PDB file of all heavy atoms in Angstrom:
ATOM      1  N   GLU A   1     -11.195   1.386  -8.934  1.00  0.00           N
ATOM      2  CA  GLU A   1     -10.282   0.244  -9.054  1.00  0.00           C
ATOM      3  C   GLU A   1      -9.452   0.147  -7.784  1.00  0.00           C
ATOM      4  O   GLU A   1      -8.873   1.150  -7.342  1.00  0.00           O
ATOM      5  CB  GLU A   1      -9.363   0.452 -10.259  1.00  0.00           C
ATOM      6  CG  GLU A   1      -8.219  -0.544 -10.357  1.00  0.00           C
ATOM      7  CD  GLU A   1      -7.139  -0.122 -11.344  1.00  0.00           C
ATOM      8  OE1 GLU A   1      -6.976   1.083 -11.584  1.00  0.00           O
ATOM      9  OE2 GLU A   1      -6.442  -1.016 -11.853  1.00  0.00           O
ATOM     10  N   LEU A   2      -9.387  -1.044  -7.204  1.00  0.00           N
ATOM     11  CA  LEU A   2      -8.536  -1.236  -6.044  1.00  0.00           C
ATOM     12  C   LEU A   2      -7.077  -1.097  -6.468  1.00  0.00           C
ATOM     13  O   LEU A   2      -6.631  -1.754  -7.404  1.00  0.00           O
ATOM     14  CB  LEU A   2      -8.765  -2.600  -5.418  1.00  0.00           C
ATOM     15  CG  LEU A   2      -7.855  -2.953  -4.244  1.00  0.00           C
ATOM     16  CD1 LEU A   2      -8.113  -2.047  -3.055  1.00  0.00           C
ATOM     17  CD2 LEU A   2      -8.037  -4.419  -3.848  1.00  0.00           C
ATOM     18  N   VAL A   3      -6.338  -0.256  -5.761  1.00  0.00           N
ATOM     19  CA  VAL A   3      -4.927  -0.040  -6.047  1.00  0.00           C
ATOM     20  C   VAL A   3      -4.058  -0.877  -5.105  1.00  0.00           C
ATOM     21  O   VAL A   3      -3.185  -1.623  -5.552  1.00  0.00           O
ATOM     22  CB  VAL A   3      -4.559   1.443  -5.900  1.00  0.00           C
ATOM     23  CG1 VAL A   3      -3.059   1.647  -6.127  1.00  0.00           C
ATOM     24  CG2 VAL A   3      -5.358   2.299  -6.875  1.00  0.00           C
ATOM     25  N   ALA A   4      -4.294  -0.728  -3.818  1.00  0.00           N
ATOM     26  CA  ALA A   4      -3.504  -1.450  -2.821  1.00  0.00           C
ATOM     27  C   ALA A   4      -4.260  -1.463  -1.505  1.00  0.00           C
ATOM     28  O   ALA A   4      -5.059  -0.566  -1.237  1.00  0.00           O
ATOM     29  CB  ALA A   4      -2.137  -0.790  -2.629  1.00  0.00           C
ATOM     30  N   ARG A   5      -3.974  -2.481  -0.696  1.00  0.00           N
ATOM     31  CA  ARG A   5      -4.593  -2.562   0.622  1.00  0.00           C
ATOM     32  C   ARG A   5      -3.615  -3.206   1.584  1.00  0.00           C
ATOM     33  O   ARG A   5      -2.717  -3.957   1.181  1.00  0.00           O
ATOM     34  CB  ARG A   5      -5.900  -3.348   0.591  1.00  0.00           C
ATOM     35  CG  ARG A   5      -5.758  -4.780   0.117  1.00  0.00           C
ATOM     36  CD  ARG A   5      -7.115  -5.416  -0.018  1.00  0.00           C
ATOM     37  NE  ARG A   5      -7.042  -6.782  -0.536  1.00  0.00           N
ATOM     38  CZ  ARG A   5      -8.100  -7.469  -0.894  1.00  0.00           C
ATOM     39  NH1 ARG A   5      -9.307  -6.951  -0.812  1.00  0.00           N
ATOM     40  NH2 ARG A   5      -7.962  -8.705  -1.350  1.00  0.00           N
ATOM     41  N   ILE A   6      -3.821  -2.929   2.863  1.00  0.00           N
ATOM     42  CA  ILE A   6      -2.949  -3.462   3.902  1.00  0.00           C
ATOM     43  C   ILE A   6      -3.789  -3.747   5.133  1.00  0.00           C
ATOM     44  O   ILE A   6      -4.636  -2.948   5.514  1.00  0.00           O
ATOM     45  CB  ILE A   6      -1.792  -2.483   4.212  1.00  0.00           C
ATOM     46  CG1 ILE A   6      -0.826  -3.093   5.225  1.00  0.00           C
ATOM     47  CG2 ILE A   6      -2.302  -1.118   4.675  1.00  0.00           C
ATOM     48  CD1 ILE A   6       0.479  -2.295   5.358  1.00  0.00           C
ATOM     49  N   THR A   7      -3.566  -4.913   5.728  1.00  0.00           N
ATOM     50  CA  THR A   7      -4.286  -5.265   6.945  1.00  0.00           C
ATOM     51  C   THR A   7      -3.563  -4.707   8.160  1.00  0.00           C
ATOM     52  O   THR A   7      -2.438  -4.200   8.057  1.00  0.00           O
ATOM     53  CB  THR A   7      -4.407  -6.787   7.090  1.00  0.00           C
ATOM     54  OG1 THR A   7      -3.085  -7.334   7.316  1.00  0.00           O
ATOM     55  CG2 THR A   7      -5.015  -7.414   5.850  1.00  0.00           C
ATOM     56  N   ARG A   8      -4.198  -4.830   9.308  1.00  0.00           N
ATOM     57  CA  ARG A   8      -3.594  -4.319  10.536  1.00  0.00           C
ATOM     58  C   ARG A   8      -2.279  -5.034  10.834  1.00  0.00           C
ATOM     59  O   ARG A   8      -1.354  -4.448  11.393  1.00  0.00           O
ATOM     60  CB  ARG A   8      -4.568  -4.482  11.699  1.00  0.00           C
ATOM     61  CG  ARG A   8      -4.154  -3.726  12.948  1.00  0.00           C
ATOM     62  CD  ARG A   8      -5.243  -3.752  13.996  1.00  0.00           C
ATOM     63  NE  ARG A   8      -4.931  -2.867  15.101  1.00  0.00           N
ATOM     64  CZ  ARG A   8      -5.202  -1.574  15.109  1.00  0.00           C
ATOM     65  NH1 ARG A   8      -5.825  -1.027  14.098  1.00  0.00           N
ATOM     66  NH2 ARG A   8      -4.873  -0.836  16.153  1.00  0.00           N
ATOM     67  N   SER A   9      -2.198  -6.297  10.432  1.00  0.00           N
ATOM     68  CA  SER A   9      -0.982  -7.070  10.678  1.00  0.00           C
ATOM     69  C   SER A   9       0.094  -6.836   9.633  1.00  0.00           C
ATOM     70  O   SER A   9       1.216  -7.327   9.776  1.00  0.00           O
ATOM     71  CB  SER A   9      -1.308  -8.566  10.739  1.00  0.00           C
ATOM     72  OG  SER A   9      -1.818  -9.000   9.493  1.00  0.00           O
ATOM     73  N   GLY A  10      -0.243  -6.091   8.572  1.00  0.00           N
ATOM     74  CA  GLY A  10       0.764  -5.733   7.581  1.00  0.00           C
ATOM     75  C   GLY A  10       0.709  -6.524   6.291  1.00  0.00           C
ATOM     76  O   GLY A  10       1.553  -6.313   5.411  1.00  0.00           O
ATOM     77  N   SER A  11      -0.249  -7.415   6.135  1.00  0.00           N
ATOM     78  CA  SER A  11      -0.382  -8.134   4.867  1.00  0.00           C
ATOM     79  C   SER A  11      -0.858  -7.172   3.785  1.00  0.00           C
ATOM     80  O   SER A  11      -1.732  -6.343   4.038  1.00  0.00           O
ATOM     81  CB  SER A  11      -1.369  -9.286   5.009  1.00  0.00           C
ATOM     82  OG  SER A  11      -0.890 -10.226   5.939  1.00  0.00           O
ATOM     83  N   THR A  12      -0.282  -7.293   2.594  1.00  0.00           N
ATOM     84  CA  THR A  12      -0.579  -6.344   1.524  1.00  0.00           C
ATOM     85  C   THR A  12      -1.044  -7.051   0.244  1.00  0.00           C
ATOM     86  O   THR A  12      -0.718  -8.217   0.002  1.00  0.00           O
ATOM     87  CB  THR A  12       0.653  -5.494   1.177  1.00  0.00           C
ATOM     88  OG1 THR A  12       1.724  -6.368   0.793  1.00  0.00           O
ATOM     89  CG2 THR A  12       1.094  -4.667   2.366  1.00  0.00           C
ATOM     90  N   ASN A  13      -1.809  -6.322  -0.550  1.00  0.00           N
ATOM     91  CA  ASN A  13      -2.215  -6.756  -1.886  1.00  0.00           C
ATOM     92  C   ASN A  13      -2.148  -5.555  -2.815  1.00  0.00           C
ATOM     93  O   ASN A  13      -2.446  -4.425  -2.387  1.00  0.00           O
ATOM     94  CB  ASN A  13      -3.640  -7.317  -1.881  1.00  0.00           C
ATOM     95  CG  ASN A  13      -3.753  -8.625  -1.135  1.00  0.00           C
ATOM     96  OD1 ASN A  13      -4.145  -8.638   0.021  1.00  0.00           O
ATOM     97  ND2 ASN A  13      -3.377  -9.714  -1.783  1.00  0.00           N
ATOM     98  N   TYR A  14      -1.787  -5.796  -4.070  1.00  0.00           N
ATOM     99  CA  TYR A  14      -1.678  -4.730  -5.048  1.00  0.00           C
ATOM    100  C   TYR A  14      -2.382  -5.109  -6.343  1.00  0.00           C
ATOM    101  O   TYR A  14      -2.440  -6.289  -6.719  1.00  0.00           O
ATOM    102  CB  TYR A  14      -0.205  -4.452  -5.383  1.00  0.00           C
ATOM    103  CG  TYR A  14       0.612  -3.963  -4.226  1.00  0.00           C
ATOM    104  CD1 TYR A  14       1.310  -4.850  -3.412  1.00  0.00           C
ATOM    105  CD2 TYR A  14       0.699  -2.602  -3.938  1.00  0.00           C
ATOM    106  CE1 TYR A  14       2.065  -4.398  -2.346  1.00  0.00           C
ATOM    107  CE2 TYR A  14       1.460  -2.143  -2.874  1.00  0.00           C
ATOM    108  CZ  TYR A  14       2.134  -3.053  -2.084  1.00  0.00           C
ATOM    109  OH  TYR A  14       2.877  -2.588  -1.028  1.00  0.00           O
ATOM    110  N   ALA A  15      -2.878  -4.105  -7.041  1.00  0.00           N
ATOM    111  CA  ALA A  15      -3.345  -4.315  -8.404  1.00  0.00           C
ATOM    112  C   ALA A  15      -2.143  -4.676  -9.261  1.00  0.00           C
ATOM    113  O   ALA A  15      -1.031  -4.179  -9.049  1.00  0.00           O
ATOM    114  CB  ALA A  15      -4.017  -3.059  -8.926  1.00  0.00           C
ATOM    115  N   GLY A  16      -2.375  -5.531 -10.254  1.00  0.00           N
ATOM    116  CA  GLY A  16      -1.280  -5.945 -11.113  1.00  0.00           C
ATOM    117  C   GLY A  16      -0.600  -4.784 -11.814  1.00  0.00           C
ATOM    118  O   GLY A  16       0.612  -4.807 -12.065  1.00  0.00           O
ATOM    119  N   SER A  17      -1.369  -3.741 -12.112  1.00  0.00           N
ATOM    120  CA  SER A  17      -0.844  -2.607 -12.867  1.00  0.00           C
ATOM    121  C   SER A  17       0.124  -1.745 -12.052  1.00  0.00           C
ATOM    122  O   SER A  17       0.863  -0.942 -12.620  1.00  0.00           O
ATOM    123  CB  SER A  17      -1.993  -1.746 -13.369  1.00  0.00           C
ATOM    124  OG  SER A  17      -2.783  -1.279 -12.294  1.00  0.00           O
ATOM    125  N   VAL A  18       0.122  -1.894 -10.729  1.00  0.00           N
ATOM    126  CA  VAL A  18       1.000  -1.058  -9.895  1.00  0.00           C
ATOM    127  C   VAL A  18       2.035  -1.871  -9.137  1.00  0.00           C
ATOM    128  O   VAL A  18       2.933  -1.298  -8.504  1.00  0.00           O
ATOM    129  CB  VAL A  18       0.181  -0.217  -8.886  1.00  0.00           C
ATOM    130  CG1 VAL A  18      -0.911   0.562  -9.601  1.00  0.00           C
ATOM    131  CG2 VAL A  18      -0.398  -1.083  -7.782  1.00  0.00           C
ATOM    132  N   LYS A  19       1.932  -3.188  -9.215  1.00  0.00           N
ATOM    133  CA  LYS A  19       2.850  -4.038  -8.459  1.00  0.00           C
ATOM    134  C   LYS A  19       4.291  -3.763  -8.883  1.00  0.00           C
ATOM    135  O   LYS A  19       4.598  -3.676 -10.070  1.00  0.00           O
ATOM    136  CB  LYS A  19       2.490  -5.505  -8.692  1.00  0.00           C
ATOM    137  CG  LYS A  19       3.086  -6.470  -7.687  1.00  0.00           C
ATOM    138  CD  LYS A  19       2.506  -7.869  -7.879  1.00  0.00           C
ATOM    139  CE  LYS A  19       1.037  -7.913  -7.533  1.00  0.00           C
ATOM    140  NZ  LYS A  19       0.479  -9.292  -7.596  1.00  0.00           N
ATOM    141  N   GLY A  20       5.152  -3.596  -7.905  1.00  0.00           N
ATOM    142  CA  GLY A  20       6.551  -3.292  -8.178  1.00  0.00           C
ATOM    143  C   GLY A  20       6.846  -1.802  -8.269  1.00  0.00           C
ATOM    144  O   GLY A  20       8.007  -1.404  -8.254  1.00  0.00           O
ATOM    145  N   ARG A  21       5.809  -0.987  -8.367  1.00  0.00           N
ATOM    146  CA  ARG A  21       5.993   0.477  -8.453  1.00  0.00           C
ATOM    147  C   ARG A  21       5.428   1.199  -7.234  1.00  0.00           C
ATOM    148  O   ARG A  21       5.968   2.219  -6.815  1.00  0.00           O
ATOM    149  CB  ARG A  21       5.318   1.025  -9.708  1.00  0.00           C
ATOM    150  CG  ARG A  21       5.855   0.440 -11.003  1.00  0.00           C
ATOM    151  CD  ARG A  21       5.270   1.154 -12.219  1.00  0.00           C
ATOM    152  NE  ARG A  21       3.815   0.989 -12.325  1.00  0.00           N
ATOM    153  CZ  ARG A  21       2.952   2.006 -12.315  1.00  0.00           C
ATOM    154  NH1 ARG A  21       3.381   3.246 -12.219  1.00  0.00           N
ATOM    155  NH2 ARG A  21       1.651   1.776 -12.444  1.00  0.00           N
ATOM    156  N   PHE A  22       4.345   0.677  -6.684  1.00  0.00           N
ATOM    157  CA  PHE A  22       3.689   1.290  -5.532  1.00  0.00           C
ATOM    158  C   PHE A  22       3.955   0.436  -4.295  1.00  0.00           C
ATOM    159  O   PHE A  22       4.033  -0.790  -4.369  1.00  0.00           O
ATOM    160  CB  PHE A  22       2.178   1.375  -5.736  1.00  0.00           C
ATOM    161  CG  PHE A  22       1.725   2.351  -6.782  1.00  0.00           C
ATOM    162  CD1 PHE A  22       2.606   2.955  -7.674  1.00  0.00           C
ATOM    163  CD2 PHE A  22       0.377   2.686  -6.873  1.00  0.00           C
ATOM    164  CE1 PHE A  22       2.174   3.847  -8.632  1.00  0.00           C
ATOM    165  CE2 PHE A  22      -0.080   3.581  -7.831  1.00  0.00           C
ATOM    166  CZ  PHE A  22       0.822   4.147  -8.708  1.00  0.00           C
ATOM    167  N   THR A  23       4.063   1.106  -3.153  1.00  0.00           N
ATOM    168  CA  THR A  23       4.239   0.420  -1.880  1.00  0.00           C
ATOM    169  C   THR A  23       3.298   1.021  -0.846  1.00  0.00           C
ATOM    170  O   THR A  23       3.312   2.234  -0.629  1.00  0.00           O
ATOM    171  CB  THR A  23       5.674   0.534  -1.372  1.00  0.00           C
ATOM    172  OG1 THR A  23       6.580  -0.008  -2.334  1.00  0.00           O
ATOM    173  CG2 THR A  23       5.840  -0.231  -0.057  1.00  0.00           C
ATOM    174  N   ILE A  24       2.480   0.169  -0.235  1.00  0.00           N
ATOM    175  CA  ILE A  24       1.579   0.625   0.822  1.00  0.00           C
ATOM    176  C   ILE A  24       2.166   0.236   2.172  1.00  0.00           C
ATOM    177  O   ILE A  24       2.770  -0.837   2.315  1.00  0.00           O
ATOM    178  CB  ILE A  24       0.162   0.035   0.637  1.00  0.00           C
ATOM    179  CG1 ILE A  24      -0.826   0.708   1.598  1.00  0.00           C
ATOM    180  CG2 ILE A  24       0.152  -1.473   0.789  1.00  0.00           C
ATOM    181  CD1 ILE A  24      -2.288   0.364   1.304  1.00  0.00           C
ATOM    182  N   SER A  25       2.007   1.118   3.133  1.00  0.00           N
ATOM    183  CA  SER A  25       2.478   0.849   4.480  1.00  0.00           C
ATOM    184  C   SER A  25       1.534   1.537   5.464  1.00  0.00           C
ATOM    185  O   SER A  25       0.671   2.318   5.058  1.00  0.00           O
ATOM    186  CB  SER A  25       3.908   1.351   4.669  1.00  0.00           C
ATOM    187  OG  SER A  25       3.979   2.751   4.478  1.00  0.00           O
ATOM    188  N   ARG A  26       1.696   1.220   6.740  1.00  0.00           N
ATOM    189  CA  ARG A  26       0.862   1.892   7.734  1.00  0.00           C
ATOM    190  C   ARG A  26       1.601   2.000   9.049  1.00  0.00           C
ATOM    191  O   ARG A  26       2.448   1.162   9.373  1.00  0.00           O
ATOM    192  CB  ARG A  26      -0.481   1.174   7.925  1.00  0.00           C
ATOM    193  CG  ARG A  26      -0.404  -0.216   8.486  1.00  0.00           C
ATOM    194  CD  ARG A  26      -1.753  -0.925   8.391  1.00  0.00           C
ATOM    195  NE  ARG A  26      -2.704  -0.460   9.377  1.00  0.00           N
ATOM    196  CZ  ARG A  26      -3.985  -0.869   9.432  1.00  0.00           C
ATOM    197  NH1 ARG A  26      -4.431  -1.730   8.526  1.00  0.00           N
ATOM    198  NH2 ARG A  26      -4.805  -0.414  10.369  1.00  0.00           N
ATOM    199  N   ASP A  27       1.266   3.042   9.764  1.00  0.00           N
ATOM    200  CA  ASP A  27       1.798   3.271  11.103  1.00  0.00           C
ATOM    201  C   ASP A  27       0.616   3.179  12.047  1.00  0.00           C
ATOM    202  O   ASP A  27      -0.176   4.128  12.154  1.00  0.00           O
ATOM    203  CB  ASP A  27       2.463   4.648  11.164  1.00  0.00           C
ATOM    204  CG  ASP A  27       3.135   4.909  12.491  1.00  0.00           C
ATOM    205  OD1 ASP A  27       2.717   4.312  13.510  1.00  0.00           O
ATOM    206  OD2 ASP A  27       4.065   5.724  12.533  1.00  0.00           O
ATOM    207  N   ASN A  28       0.470   2.040  12.700  1.00  0.00           N
ATOM    208  CA  ASN A  28      -0.696   1.838  13.565  1.00  0.00           C
ATOM    209  C   ASN A  28      -0.700   2.801  14.744  1.00  0.00           C
ATOM    210  O   ASN A  28      -1.763   3.182  15.231  1.00  0.00           O
ATOM    211  CB  ASN A  28      -0.741   0.391  14.053  1.00  0.00           C
ATOM    212  CG  ASN A  28      -1.098  -0.589  12.952  1.00  0.00           C
ATOM    213  OD1 ASN A  28      -1.811  -0.250  12.011  1.00  0.00           O
ATOM    214  ND2 ASN A  28      -0.580  -1.798  13.045  1.00  0.00           N
ATOM    215  N   ALA A  29       0.474   3.215  15.204  1.00  0.00           N
ATOM    216  CA  ALA A  29       0.533   4.156  16.328  1.00  0.00           C
ATOM    217  C   ALA A  29      -0.024   5.522  15.928  1.00  0.00           C
ATOM    218  O   ALA A  29      -0.586   6.239  16.766  1.00  0.00           O
ATOM    219  CB  ALA A  29       1.967   4.297  16.808  1.00  0.00           C
ATOM    220  N   LYS A  30       0.135   5.871  14.642  1.00  0.00           N
ATOM    221  CA  LYS A  30      -0.371   7.161  14.150  1.00  0.00           C
ATOM    222  C   LYS A  30      -1.693   7.001  13.414  1.00  0.00           C
ATOM    223  O   LYS A  30      -2.243   7.989  12.921  1.00  0.00           O
ATOM    224  CB  LYS A  30       0.656   7.793  13.210  1.00  0.00           C
ATOM    225  CG  LYS A  30       1.957   8.186  13.888  1.00  0.00           C
ATOM    226  CD  LYS A  30       2.905   8.858  12.905  1.00  0.00           C
ATOM    227  CE  LYS A  30       4.187   9.301  13.583  1.00  0.00           C
ATOM    228  NZ  LYS A  30       5.114   9.962  12.624  1.00  0.00           N
ATOM    229  N   ASN A  31      -2.187   5.759  13.307  1.00  0.00           N
ATOM    230  CA  ASN A  31      -3.444   5.491  12.593  1.00  0.00           C
ATOM    231  C   ASN A  31      -3.416   6.078  11.182  1.00  0.00           C
ATOM    232  O   ASN A  31      -4.392   6.670  10.727  1.00  0.00           O
ATOM    233  CB  ASN A  31      -4.630   6.053  13.373  1.00  0.00           C
ATOM    234  CG  ASN A  31      -4.684   5.526  14.784  1.00  0.00           C
ATOM    235  OD1 ASN A  31      -4.702   4.319  15.003  1.00  0.00           O
ATOM    236  ND2 ASN A  31      -4.666   6.423  15.755  1.00  0.00           N
ATOM    237  N   THR A  32      -2.297   5.899  10.536  1.00  0.00           N
ATOM    238  CA  THR A  32      -2.081   6.490   9.217  1.00  0.00           C
ATOM    239  C   THR A  32      -1.543   5.446   8.251  1.00  0.00           C
ATOM    240  O   THR A  32      -0.672   4.650   8.623  1.00  0.00           O
ATOM    241  CB  THR A  32      -1.107   7.669   9.304  1.00  0.00           C
ATOM    242  OG1 THR A  32      -1.647   8.657  10.189  1.00  0.00           O
ATOM    243  CG2 THR A  32      -0.885   8.298   7.936  1.00  0.00           C
ATOM    244  N   ALA A  33      -2.073   5.473   7.038  1.00  0.00           N
ATOM    245  CA  ALA A  33      -1.569   4.629   5.961  1.00  0.00           C
ATOM    246  C   ALA A  33      -0.889   5.510   4.925  1.00  0.00           C
ATOM    247  O   ALA A  33      -1.233   6.687   4.771  1.00  0.00           O
ATOM    248  CB  ALA A  33      -2.707   3.828   5.322  1.00  0.00           C
ATOM    249  N   TYR A  34       0.066   4.914   4.227  1.00  0.00           N
ATOM    250  CA  TYR A  34       0.839   5.645   3.217  1.00  0.00           C
ATOM    251  C   TYR A  34       0.863   4.838   1.922  1.00  0.00           C
ATOM    252  O   TYR A  34       0.928   3.608   1.951  1.00  0.00           O
ATOM    253  CB  TYR A  34       2.278   5.860   3.690  1.00  0.00           C
ATOM    254  CG  TYR A  34       2.383   6.550   5.021  1.00  0.00           C
ATOM    255  CD1 TYR A  34       2.517   5.812   6.195  1.00  0.00           C
ATOM    256  CD2 TYR A  34       2.329   7.939   5.115  1.00  0.00           C
ATOM    257  CE1 TYR A  34       2.610   6.433   7.435  1.00  0.00           C
ATOM    258  CE2 TYR A  34       2.417   8.569   6.343  1.00  0.00           C
ATOM    259  CZ  TYR A  34       2.560   7.808   7.496  1.00  0.00           C
ATOM    260  OH  TYR A  34       2.636   8.438   8.714  1.00  0.00           O
ATOM    261  N   LEU A  35       0.847   5.559   0.809  1.00  0.00           N
ATOM    262  CA  LEU A  35       1.004   4.923  -0.491  1.00  0.00           C
ATOM    263  C   LEU A  35       2.142   5.627  -1.220  1.00  0.00           C
ATOM    264  O   LEU A  35       1.977   6.764  -1.654  1.00  0.00           O
ATOM    265  CB  LEU A  35      -0.283   4.991  -1.310  1.00  0.00           C
ATOM    266  CG  LEU A  35      -0.248   4.245  -2.644  1.00  0.00           C
ATOM    267  CD1 LEU A  35      -0.128   2.742  -2.412  1.00  0.00           C
ATOM    268  CD2 LEU A  35      -1.486   4.560  -3.480  1.00  0.00           C
ATOM    269  N   GLN A  36       3.276   4.964  -1.298  1.00  0.00           N
ATOM    270  CA  GLN A  36       4.418   5.498  -2.030  1.00  0.00           C
ATOM    271  C   GLN A  36       4.296   5.056  -3.482  1.00  0.00           C
ATOM    272  O   GLN A  36       4.244   3.853  -3.764  1.00  0.00           O
ATOM    273  CB  GLN A  36       5.719   4.978  -1.420  1.00  0.00           C
ATOM    274  CG  GLN A  36       6.970   5.450  -2.140  1.00  0.00           C
ATOM    275  CD  GLN A  36       7.190   6.936  -2.035  1.00  0.00           C
ATOM    276  OE1 GLN A  36       7.028   7.521  -0.955  1.00  0.00           O
ATOM    277  NE2 GLN A  36       7.561   7.573  -3.130  1.00  0.00           N
ATOM    278  N   MET A  37       4.247   6.025  -4.375  1.00  0.00           N
ATOM    279  CA  MET A  37       4.055   5.736  -5.794  1.00  0.00           C
ATOM    280  C   MET A  37       5.300   6.167  -6.561  1.00  0.00           C
ATOM    281  O   MET A  37       5.618   7.364  -6.602  1.00  0.00           O
ATOM    282  CB  MET A  37       2.818   6.467  -6.315  1.00  0.00           C
ATOM    283  CG  MET A  37       1.551   6.148  -5.529  1.00  0.00           C
ATOM    284  SD  MET A  37       0.080   6.914  -6.206  1.00  0.00           S
ATOM    285  CE  MET A  37       0.419   8.653  -5.880  1.00  0.00           C
ATOM    286  N   ASN A  38       5.994   5.210  -7.131  1.00  0.00           N
ATOM    287  CA  ASN A  38       7.198   5.472  -7.912  1.00  0.00           C
ATOM    288  C   ASN A  38       6.980   5.112  -9.372  1.00  0.00           C
ATOM    289  O   ASN A  38       6.037   4.396  -9.707  1.00  0.00           O
ATOM    290  CB  ASN A  38       8.373   4.665  -7.351  1.00  0.00           C
ATOM    291  CG  ASN A  38       8.716   5.019  -5.916  1.00  0.00           C
ATOM    292  OD1 ASN A  38       8.554   6.165  -5.491  1.00  0.00           O
ATOM    293  ND2 ASN A  38       9.191   4.049  -5.155  1.00  0.00           N
ATOM    294  N   SER A  39       7.863   5.582 -10.217  1.00  0.00           N
ATOM    295  CA  SER A  39       7.802   5.281 -11.658  1.00  0.00           C
ATOM    296  C   SER A  39       6.403   5.523 -12.211  1.00  0.00           C
ATOM    297  O   SER A  39       5.840   4.683 -12.915  1.00  0.00           O
ATOM    298  CB  SER A  39       8.234   3.826 -11.913  1.00  0.00           C
ATOM    299  OG  SER A  39       9.538   3.595 -11.416  1.00  0.00           O
ATOM    300  N   LEU A  40       5.852   6.674 -11.874  1.00  0.00           N
ATOM    301  CA  LEU A  40       4.482   6.970 -12.259  1.00  0.00           C
ATOM    302  C   LEU A  40       4.330   7.077 -13.770  1.00  0.00           C
ATOM    303  O   LEU A  40       5.236   7.557 -14.474  1.00  0.00           O
ATOM    304  CB  LEU A  40       4.001   8.240 -11.577  1.00  0.00           C
ATOM    305  CG  LEU A  40       3.626   8.044 -10.102  1.00  0.00           C
ATOM    306  CD1 LEU A  40       3.647   9.371  -9.349  1.00  0.00           C
ATOM    307  CD2 LEU A  40       2.261   7.383 -10.004  1.00  0.00           C
TER     308      LEU A  40
END
C-alpha cells in the first residue's frame, strides 16, 4: 500500500489512512527521505 511520496520539488501525496499523522520530507543535498509517523 502506498503510504506517502514526495517529488524532487517537494510535492507530496499521502494515503487517506495516514493523512494528518504522517509527514514525508526529503533532503536533496543528503539524498535522503524521511517519514515522520505520529499518533501511531
